[in-house]
Amino acid sequence: MLSGEGAMLSILLSLTTVAVAPAPPPPPPMVLPSPVSPRFSAMSRDPGPSILFDVEVRAGGDLLWNGPMRVNGITGSSVNRSKSDAPSVTCPTVAGYDQGVRSSLSVNLSEVRFGDPDADRFQLRVALDRPGGTADGCVDGERSSRSVGMTENLHMTAGETRTLEGDGGLQIKLHRH
């Protein structure tokens, strides 16, 4: 038998009924229309046909690279080359510093797919780093380099050839098959 407050609590608990309402169902999912055709959306599984280009890169009249590059709506094409050599002549610099002669070339080509899927739009990015000053890179007793780059958005149809001119004698020739 309970006494005092314990008995009162026991009576109150036996008289109190607590009703809990079930939670409301979640709202239905919202489906919004895509502003871009499903074929060309970022989630598209159809990259479209592959497009082949012949690419030639020159600087100062010298052929730096040439070859095929193939792109589609999802995958671009890239070529990256770098070279590091010991210098043919030692530049007078602070002892212990690297005196390597470096050069690099990066060529990136991609199809640009937004808006009109038949626009035949492409983006070309080229970056070139090479020794500056003399052939071995020495200028006033210090090692130096020269950099040039180009980003071009292009409209090219099948069979078209384009030659692009950049700074420092950079020249890129593209032929779309």
C-alpha atoms as a PDB file:
ATOM      1  CA  MET A   1       0.000   0.000   0.000  1.00  0.00           C
ATOM      2  CA  LEU A   2       1.227   3.469  -0.889  1.00  0.00           C
ATOM      3  CA  SER A   3       1.068   6.415   1.453  1.00  0.00           C
ATOM      4  CA  GLY A   4       0.816  10.150   0.978  1.00  0.00           C
ATOM      5  CA  GLU A   5       2.311  11.573  -2.201  1.00  0.00           C
ATOM      6  CA  GLY A   6       3.042   8.166  -3.713  1.00  0.00           C
ATOM      7  CA  ALA A   7      -0.645   7.205  -3.501  1.00  0.00           C
ATOM      8  CA  MET A   8      -1.699  10.484  -5.087  1.00  0.00           C
ATOM      9  CA  LEU A   9       0.746  10.035  -7.953  1.00  0.00           C
ATOM     10  CA  SER A  10      -0.476   6.496  -8.500  1.00  0.00           C
ATOM     11  CA  ILE A  11      -4.087   7.697  -8.724  1.00  0.00           C
ATOM     12  CA  LEU A  12      -3.200  10.519 -11.134  1.00  0.00           C
ATOM     13  CA  LEU A  13      -1.245   8.222 -13.416  1.00  0.00           C
ATOM     14  CA  SER A  14      -4.061   5.697 -13.578  1.00  0.00           C
ATOM     15  CA  LEU A  15      -6.605   8.410 -14.460  1.00  0.00           C
ATOM     16  CA  THR A  16      -4.487  10.183 -17.111  1.00  0.00           C
ATOM     17  CA  THR A  17      -4.683   8.948 -20.677  1.00  0.00           C
ATOM     18  CA  VAL A  18      -2.241  10.413 -23.133  1.00  0.00           C
ATOM     19  CA  ALA A  19      -3.188  10.256 -26.792  1.00  0.00           C
ATOM     20  CA  VAL A  20      -0.447  10.733 -29.371  1.00  0.00           C
ATOM     21  CA  ALA A  21      -1.508  11.549 -32.930  1.00  0.00           C
ATOM     22  CA  PRO A  22       0.421   9.815 -35.733  1.00  0.00           C
ATOM     23  CA  ALA A  23       2.877  12.018 -37.686  1.00  0.00           C
ATOM     24  CA  PRO A  24       1.514  13.391 -40.963  1.00  0.00           C
ATOM     25  CA  PRO A  25       2.834  11.785 -44.149  1.00  0.00           C
ATOM     26  CA  PRO A  26       5.702  13.604 -45.918  1.00  0.00           C
ATOM     27  CA  PRO A  27       4.749  15.906 -48.810  1.00  0.00           C
ATOM     28  CA  PRO A  28       5.015  14.434 -52.304  1.00  0.00           C
ATOM     29  CA  PRO A  29       8.369  15.021 -54.076  1.00  0.00           C
ATOM     30  CA  MET A  30       8.578  18.045 -56.360  1.00  0.00           C
ATOM     31  CA  VAL A  31       9.690  17.424 -59.927  1.00  0.00           C
ATOM     32  CA  LEU A  32      10.984  20.518 -61.679  1.00  0.00           C
ATOM     33  CA  PRO A  33      11.492  20.610 -65.452  1.00  0.00           C
ATOM     34  CA  SER A  34      15.096  20.862 -66.599  1.00  0.00           C
ATOM     35  CA  PRO A  35      15.922  24.098 -68.488  1.00  0.00           C
ATOM     36  CA  VAL A  36      18.330  22.095 -70.677  1.00  0.00           C
ATOM     37  CA  SER A  37      17.429  19.271 -72.999  1.00  0.00           C
ATOM     38  CA  PRO A  38      17.948  15.949 -71.162  1.00  0.00           C
ATOM     39  CA  ARG A  39      20.358  14.826 -73.895  1.00  0.00           C
ATOM     40  CA  PHE A  40      22.755  17.633 -73.001  1.00  0.00           C
ATOM     41  CA  SER A  41      22.243  17.968 -69.260  1.00  0.00           C
ATOM     42  CA  ALA A  42      25.145  17.321 -66.907  1.00  0.00           C
ATOM     43  CA  MET A  43      23.503  14.046 -65.918  1.00  0.00           C
ATOM     44  CA  SER A  44      23.139  12.863 -69.511  1.00  0.00           C
ATOM     45  CA  ARG A  45      24.593   9.466 -70.310  1.00  0.00           C
ATOM     46  CA  ASP A  46      24.750  10.237 -74.050  1.00  0.00           C
ATOM     47  CA  PRO A  47      28.000  12.060 -74.812  1.00  0.00           C
ATOM     48  CA  GLY A  48      27.055  12.451 -78.471  1.00  0.00           C
ATOM     49  CA  PRO A  49      29.352  11.524 -81.317  1.00  0.00           C
ATOM     50  CA  SER A  50      33.121  11.801 -80.999  1.00  0.00           C
ATOM     51  CA  ILE A  51      34.655  14.598 -83.035  1.00  0.00           C
ATOM     52  CA  LEU A  52      38.210  14.315 -84.363  1.00  0.00           C
ATOM     53  CA  PHE A  53      40.579  17.266 -84.795  1.00  0.00           C
ATOM     54  CA  ASP A  54      44.093  17.462 -86.200  1.00  0.00           C
ATOM     55  CA  VAL A  55      46.044  19.958 -84.083  1.00  0.00           C
ATOM     56  CA  GLU A  56      49.396  21.598 -84.752  1.00  0.00           C
ATOM     57  CA  VAL A  57      51.118  23.887 -82.208  1.00  0.00           C
ATOM     58  CA  ARG A  58      54.019  26.153 -83.202  1.00  0.00           C
ATOM     59  CA  ALA A  59      55.973  28.899 -81.458  1.00  0.00           C
ATOM     60  CA  GLY A  60      58.474  31.132 -83.199  1.00  0.00           C
ATOM     61  CA  GLY A  61      58.113  28.939 -86.288  1.00  0.00           C
ATOM     62  CA  ASP A  62      59.182  25.781 -84.412  1.00  0.00           C
ATOM     63  CA  LEU A  63      56.804  22.819 -84.393  1.00  0.00           C
ATOM     64  CA  LEU A  64      56.110  21.998 -80.721  1.00  0.00           C
ATOM     65  CA  TRP A  65      53.464  19.286 -81.134  1.00  0.00           C
ATOM     66  CA  ASN A  66      51.045  17.924 -83.681  1.00  0.00           C
ATOM     67  CA  GLY A  67      48.591  15.080 -83.549  1.00  0.00           C
ATOM     68  CA  PRO A  68      44.951  14.062 -83.309  1.00  0.00           C
ATOM     69  CA  MET A  69      42.617  15.133 -80.501  1.00  0.00           C
ATOM     70  CA  ARG A  70      39.180  13.548 -80.059  1.00  0.00           C
ATOM     71  CA  VAL A  71      36.371  15.122 -78.004  1.00  0.00           C
ATOM     72  CA  ASN A  72      32.696  14.531 -77.266  1.00  0.00           C
ATOM     73  CA  GLY A  73      30.064  16.242 -75.131  1.00  0.00           C
ATOM     74  CA  ILE A  74      31.412  14.760 -71.895  1.00  0.00           C
ATOM     75  CA  THR A  75      35.110  14.110 -72.449  1.00  0.00           C
ATOM     76  CA  GLY A  76      37.669  16.591 -73.673  1.00  0.00           C
ATOM     77  CA  SER A  77      41.158  15.871 -74.930  1.00  0.00           C
ATOM     78  CA  SER A  78      44.447  17.062 -73.468  1.00  0.00           C
ATOM     79  CA  VAL A  79      48.147  16.870 -74.221  1.00  0.00           C
ATOM     80  CA  ASN A  80      50.721  17.769 -71.581  1.00  0.00           C
ATOM     81  CA  ARG A  81      54.467  17.726 -72.182  1.00  0.00           C
ATOM     82  CA  SER A  82      57.268  18.952 -69.974  1.00  0.00           C
ATOM     83  CA  LYS A  83      61.021  18.838 -70.181  1.00  0.00           C
ATOM     84  CA  SER A  84      63.739  19.635 -67.686  1.00  0.00           C
ATOM     85  CA  ASP A  85      67.447  19.694 -68.557  1.00  0.00           C
ATOM     86  CA  ALA A  86      70.693  20.781 -67.045  1.00  0.00           C
ATOM     87  CA  PRO A  87      71.728  24.085 -68.610  1.00  0.00           C
ATOM     88  CA  SER A  88      74.226  24.153 -71.459  1.00  0.00           C
ATOM     89  CA  VAL A  89      75.874  27.112 -69.709  1.00  0.00           C
ATOM     90  CA  THR A  90      75.873  27.759 -65.972  1.00  0.00           C
ATOM     91  CA  CYS A  91      74.308  31.099 -65.099  1.00  0.00           C
ATOM     92  CA  PRO A  92      76.067  32.993 -62.322  1.00  0.00           C
ATOM     93  CA  THR A  93      73.485  32.663 -59.528  1.00  0.00           C
ATOM     94  CA  VAL A  94      73.449  32.162 -55.804  1.00  0.00           C
ATOM     95  CA  ALA A  95      75.133  28.849 -54.982  1.00  0.00           C
ATOM     96  CA  GLY A  96      72.780  25.985 -54.229  1.00  0.00           C
ATOM     97  CA  TYR A  97      69.875  27.136 -56.374  1.00  0.00           C
ATOM     98  CA  ASP A  98      68.559  24.861 -59.093  1.00  0.00           C
ATOM     99  CA  GLN A  99      69.758  25.946 -62.526  1.00  0.00           C
ATOM    100  CA  GLY A 100      67.616  23.538 -64.572  1.00  0.00           C
ATOM    101  CA  VAL A 101      66.201  24.650 -67.896  1.00  0.00           C
ATOM    102  CA  ARG A 102      62.496  23.865 -68.090  1.00  0.00           C
ATOM    103  CA  SER A 103      59.838  24.010 -70.756  1.00  0.00           C
ATOM    104  CA  SER A 104      56.235  22.789 -70.849  1.00  0.00           C
ATOM    105  CA  LEU A 105      53.258  22.704 -73.178  1.00  0.00           C
ATOM    106  CA  SER A 106      49.625  22.057 -72.317  1.00  0.00           C
ATOM    107  CA  VAL A 107      46.867  21.777 -74.941  1.00  0.00           C
ATOM    108  CA  ASN A 108      43.234  21.213 -73.911  1.00  0.00           C
ATOM    109  CA  LEU A 109      40.308  20.921 -76.314  1.00  0.00           C
ATOM    110  CA  SER A 110      36.693  20.373 -75.281  1.00  0.00           C
ATOM    111  CA  GLU A 111      33.235  20.548 -76.786  1.00  0.00           C
ATOM    112  CA  VAL A 112      31.037  23.203 -75.185  1.00  0.00           C
ATOM    113  CA  ARG A 113      27.527  21.833 -74.754  1.00  0.00           C
ATOM    114  CA  PHE A 114      24.977  24.260 -73.458  1.00  0.00           C
ATOM    115  CA  GLY A 115      22.047  25.844 -75.224  1.00  0.00           C
ATOM    116  CA  ASP A 116      21.856  24.759 -78.851  1.00  0.00           C
ATOM    117  CA  PRO A 117      23.141  21.171 -79.135  1.00  0.00           C
ATOM    118  CA  ASP A 118      24.008  21.663 -82.814  1.00  0.00           C
ATOM    119  CA  ALA A 119      26.124  24.782 -82.291  1.00  0.00           C
ATOM    120  CA  ASP A 120      29.473  23.061 -82.983  1.00  0.00           C
ATOM    121  CA  ARG A 121      31.169  25.049 -80.202  1.00  0.00           C
ATOM    122  CA  PHE A 122      34.546  24.168 -78.742  1.00  0.00           C
ATOM    123  CA  GLN A 123      37.020  25.615 -76.267  1.00  0.00           C
ATOM    124  CA  LEU A 124      40.780  25.493 -76.827  1.00  0.00           C
ATOM    125  CA  ARG A 125      43.272  26.299 -74.044  1.00  0.00           C
ATOM    126  CA  VAL A 126      47.015  26.346 -74.685  1.00  0.00           C
ATOM    127  CA  ALA A 127      49.799  27.206 -72.218  1.00  0.00           C
ATOM    128  CA  LEU A 128      53.490  27.343 -73.101  1.00  0.00           C
ATOM    129  CA  ASP A 129      56.436  27.936 -70.753  1.00  0.00           C
ATOM    130  CA  ARG A 130      59.973  28.036 -72.107  1.00  0.00           C
ATOM    131  CA  PRO A 131      63.387  29.436 -71.206  1.00  0.00           C
ATOM    132  CA  GLY A 132      63.657  33.176 -71.651  1.00  0.00           C
ATOM    133  CA  GLY A 133      66.484  35.427 -72.719  1.00  0.00           C
ATOM    134  CA  THR A 134      69.135  33.360 -74.444  1.00  0.00           C
ATOM    135  CA  ALA A 135      68.606  29.776 -75.578  1.00  0.00           C
ATOM    136  CA  ASP A 136      69.753  28.490 -72.185  1.00  0.00           C
ATOM    137  CA  GLY A 137      67.592  30.944 -70.208  1.00  0.00           C
ATOM    138  CA  CYS A 138      70.354  33.198 -68.835  1.00  0.00           C
ATOM    139  CA  VAL A 139      69.529  36.908 -68.802  1.00  0.00           C
ATOM    140  CA  ASP A 140      71.854  39.335 -67.023  1.00  0.00           C
ATOM    141  CA  GLY A 141      73.322  36.442 -65.055  1.00  0.00           C
ATOM    142  CA  GLU A 142      69.948  35.104 -63.846  1.00  0.00           C
ATOM    143  CA  ARG A 143      67.794  32.220 -65.047  1.00  0.00           C
ATOM    144  CA  SER A 144      64.505  33.355 -66.627  1.00  0.00           C
ATOM    145  CA  SER A 145      61.490  31.938 -68.446  1.00  0.00           C
ATOM    146  CA  ARG A 146      58.728  33.104 -70.770  1.00  0.00           C
ATOM    147  CA  SER A 147      55.092  32.073 -70.589  1.00  0.00           C
ATOM    148  CA  VAL A 148      52.288  32.537 -73.068  1.00  0.00           C
ATOM    149  CA  GLY A 149      48.748  31.233 -73.037  1.00  0.00           C
ATOM    150  CA  MET A 150      45.567  31.336 -75.038  1.00  0.00           C
ATOM    151  CA  THR A 151      41.930  30.447 -74.423  1.00  0.00           C
ATOM    152  CA  GLU A 152      39.638  30.542 -77.459  1.00  0.00           C
ATOM    153  CA  ASN A 153      35.969  29.702 -77.790  1.00  0.00           C
ATOM    154  CA  LEU A 154      35.363  28.507 -81.338  1.00  0.00           C
ATOM    155  CA  HIS A 155      32.522  27.641 -83.650  1.00  0.00           C
ATOM    156  CA  MET A 156      33.808  25.057 -86.148  1.00  0.00           C
ATOM    157  CA  THR A 157      31.882  22.884 -88.566  1.00  0.00           C
ATOM    158  CA  ALA A 158      33.015  19.577 -90.069  1.00  0.00           C
ATOM    159  CA  GLY A 159      35.802  20.037 -92.626  1.00  0.00           C
ATOM    160  CA  GLU A 160      36.767  23.504 -91.377  1.00  0.00           C
ATOM    161  CA  THR A 161      40.402  24.525 -90.709  1.00  0.00           C
ATOM    162  CA  ARG A 162      41.390  27.432 -88.457  1.00  0.00           C
ATOM    163  CA  THR A 163      44.742  28.997 -87.593  1.00  0.00           C
ATOM    164  CA  LEU A 164      44.898  30.953 -84.330  1.00  0.00           C
ATOM    165  CA  GLU A 165      47.667  33.437 -83.568  1.00  0.00           C
ATOM    166  CA  GLY A 166      48.732  34.176 -79.999  1.00  0.00           C
ATOM    167  CA  ASP A 167      51.364  36.266 -78.287  1.00  0.00           C
ATOM    168  CA  GLY A 168      55.042  35.393 -78.528  1.00  0.00           C
ATOM    169  CA  GLY A 169      54.687  33.731 -81.940  1.00  0.00           C
ATOM    170  CA  LEU A 170      52.277  31.062 -80.629  1.00  0.00           C
ATOM    171  CA  GLN A 171      50.296  29.563 -83.507  1.00  0.00           C
ATOM    172  CA  ILE A 172      47.698  26.780 -83.341  1.00  0.00           C
ATOM    173  CA  LYS A 173      46.214  25.148 -86.418  1.00  0.00           C
ATOM    174  CA  LEU A 174      43.005  23.119 -85.991  1.00  0.00           C
ATOM    175  CA  HIS A 175      41.283  20.959 -88.602  1.00  0.00           C
ATOM    176  CA  ARG A 176      37.927  19.411 -87.709  1.00  0.00           C
ATOM    177  CA  HIS A 177      37.149  16.126 -89.489  1.00  0.00           C
END
